[in-house]
Amino acid sequence: MTKVDIDAFVLTELTGIAAPAGTPMQRAASQLQKALPPGWRVEVVESSRGAARLGQPVLRLVMGDF
């Protein structure tokens, strides 16, 4: 398994909400970003589904233009 240094990666583009640097959600997004193929990106956005998660930060995968 590849060792990933998630602290060295800074997710510069956040969509919807601004997650403070170093939050668990941002660290998860940066780790996932490193594992994705080129062209894909991870965004941290506010959830718009489900009453329990409404307004909570969630990760969204966006496929690049191929």
Protein backbone atom coordinates (compact mmCIF):
# COMPACT_ATOMS: atom_id res chain seq x y z
CA MET A 1 0.00 0.00 0.00
CA THR A 2 1.25 3.48 -0.83
CA LYS A 3 1.98 5.84 2.05
CA VAL A 4 0.14 9.12 1.51
CA ASP A 5 1.26 12.31 3.25
CA ILE A 6 -2.09 14.06 3.54
CA ASP A 7 -0.70 17.03 5.48
CA ALA A 8 1.46 18.14 2.56
CA PHE A 9 -1.53 18.53 0.22
CA VAL A 10 -3.67 21.65 0.41
CA LEU A 11 -7.08 21.50 -1.26
CA THR A 12 -7.15 24.94 -2.87
CA GLU A 13 -10.57 24.78 -4.50
CA LEU A 14 -13.56 24.39 -2.21
CA THR A 15 -17.06 24.65 -3.57
CA GLY A 16 -20.17 25.64 -1.64
CA ILE A 17 -18.68 26.02 1.82
CA ALA A 18 -15.30 26.94 3.18
CA ALA A 19 -13.95 24.10 5.28
CA PRO A 20 -11.18 25.30 7.59
CA ALA A 21 -7.73 23.96 6.76
CA GLY A 22 -6.92 20.76 8.55
CA THR A 23 -10.48 19.58 9.18
CA PRO A 24 -11.15 15.84 8.96
CA MET A 25 -13.29 16.47 5.86
CA GLN A 26 -10.48 18.36 4.12
CA ARG A 27 -7.94 15.70 5.04
CA ALA A 28 -10.23 13.00 3.63
CA ALA A 29 -10.69 15.05 0.44
CA SER A 30 -6.96 15.48 -0.02
CA GLN A 31 -6.28 11.77 0.54
CA LEU A 32 -8.99 10.82 -1.95
CA GLN A 33 -7.69 13.40 -4.48
CA LYS A 34 -4.29 11.72 -4.47
CA ALA A 35 -5.85 8.32 -5.21
CA LEU A 36 -7.98 9.49 -8.15
CA PRO A 37 -6.89 9.23 -11.79
CA PRO A 38 -5.84 12.42 -13.60
CA GLY A 39 -8.74 14.68 -14.51
CA TRP A 40 -10.88 13.81 -11.49
CA ARG A 41 -11.25 16.18 -8.55
CA VAL A 42 -12.79 16.22 -5.10
CA GLU A 43 -14.97 19.06 -3.85
CA VAL A 44 -16.20 19.77 -0.32
CA VAL A 45 -19.80 20.97 -0.57
CA GLU A 46 -22.88 21.37 1.62
CA SER A 47 -25.24 18.41 1.60
CA SER A 48 -28.63 19.12 0.09
CA ARG A 49 -30.08 15.64 0.66
CA GLY A 50 -31.54 14.05 3.76
CA ALA A 51 -32.84 15.99 6.72
CA ALA A 52 -30.15 14.63 9.06
CA ARG A 53 -27.27 15.78 6.80
CA LEU A 54 -28.77 18.97 5.36
CA GLY A 55 -26.12 21.68 5.35
CA GLN A 56 -23.33 19.35 6.53
CA PRO A 57 -20.09 19.16 4.51
CA VAL A 58 -19.84 16.19 2.14
CA LEU A 59 -17.38 15.12 -0.53
CA ARG A 60 -18.34 15.22 -4.19
CA LEU A 61 -16.34 13.55 -6.96
CA VAL A 62 -16.22 15.42 -10.26
CA MET A 63 -15.10 13.63 -13.41
CA GLY A 64 -12.84 15.63 -15.67
CA ASP A 65 -13.52 16.40 -19.32
CA PHE A 66 -12.42 13.44 -21.41
